[in-house]
Amino acid sequence: MASTAREVPPPPDAASPRQTFPATALAECWPDLPPHADPSSEARARQAVQSSTPELLGRWAVECGAVRLALAGLAVVFPTARTLPALTPRLRVFTDQHSRGTDIGDYVRFVLLLAARDDNRTLDAVETFTDAYWRGTAHGAPTRARALHLLGQMLTKVGTVLARSRAGDDTTAGAGNT
């Protein structure tokens, strides 16, 4: 039996997939840098954050849980010889204040795990969190990339909660402590 379905061509003014999805242009040059990339921009950004992180961590005691978590995220993404050793005891105290099974409690434990730089435990945690709560990353991606993807999702959620609490909704002041 012959199929009666026929392929319908796109309208003449339809955008090509390359125009609609510029990421396809990026994928075409992967793993090389895209032609418009500035290879030194990552190093400049890293240096800028690393030079500011110690001062930002100095604000730890006066900041709410959401900001502390964001500061910890900066410190693990852009570590220095000074920031990770200074961060770890603070995170341990933070874990005592926020129980396992709460958003902020689980997030801070994940950041503490990232600070330990143990790829096997990090991968296990990424898999567990991804299965339970988050959009996943490609299993072939490096562990650190997958962990940072997950951390980005966590910090986005915390940032949303923090913005709501600053807007006057006191029920969210715990920064996602659900």
Foldseek 3Di string as FASTA:
>chain_A
DDDPDDDDDDPPPDDDPCVVPVVVQVVVQPPDGRPPDDVCVVVVVLVVLVVCLVVLVVCLVVDALLSNLVSLLSCLVNPDPPSLVVSLVVLVVVLVVADPPFLSNLSSVLSNVSSVVDLVVLQVSLVVCCVPPHPFDPPPDRSVVRSNVVNVVSSVQLVVLVVVVVVPPVVSSNSRGD
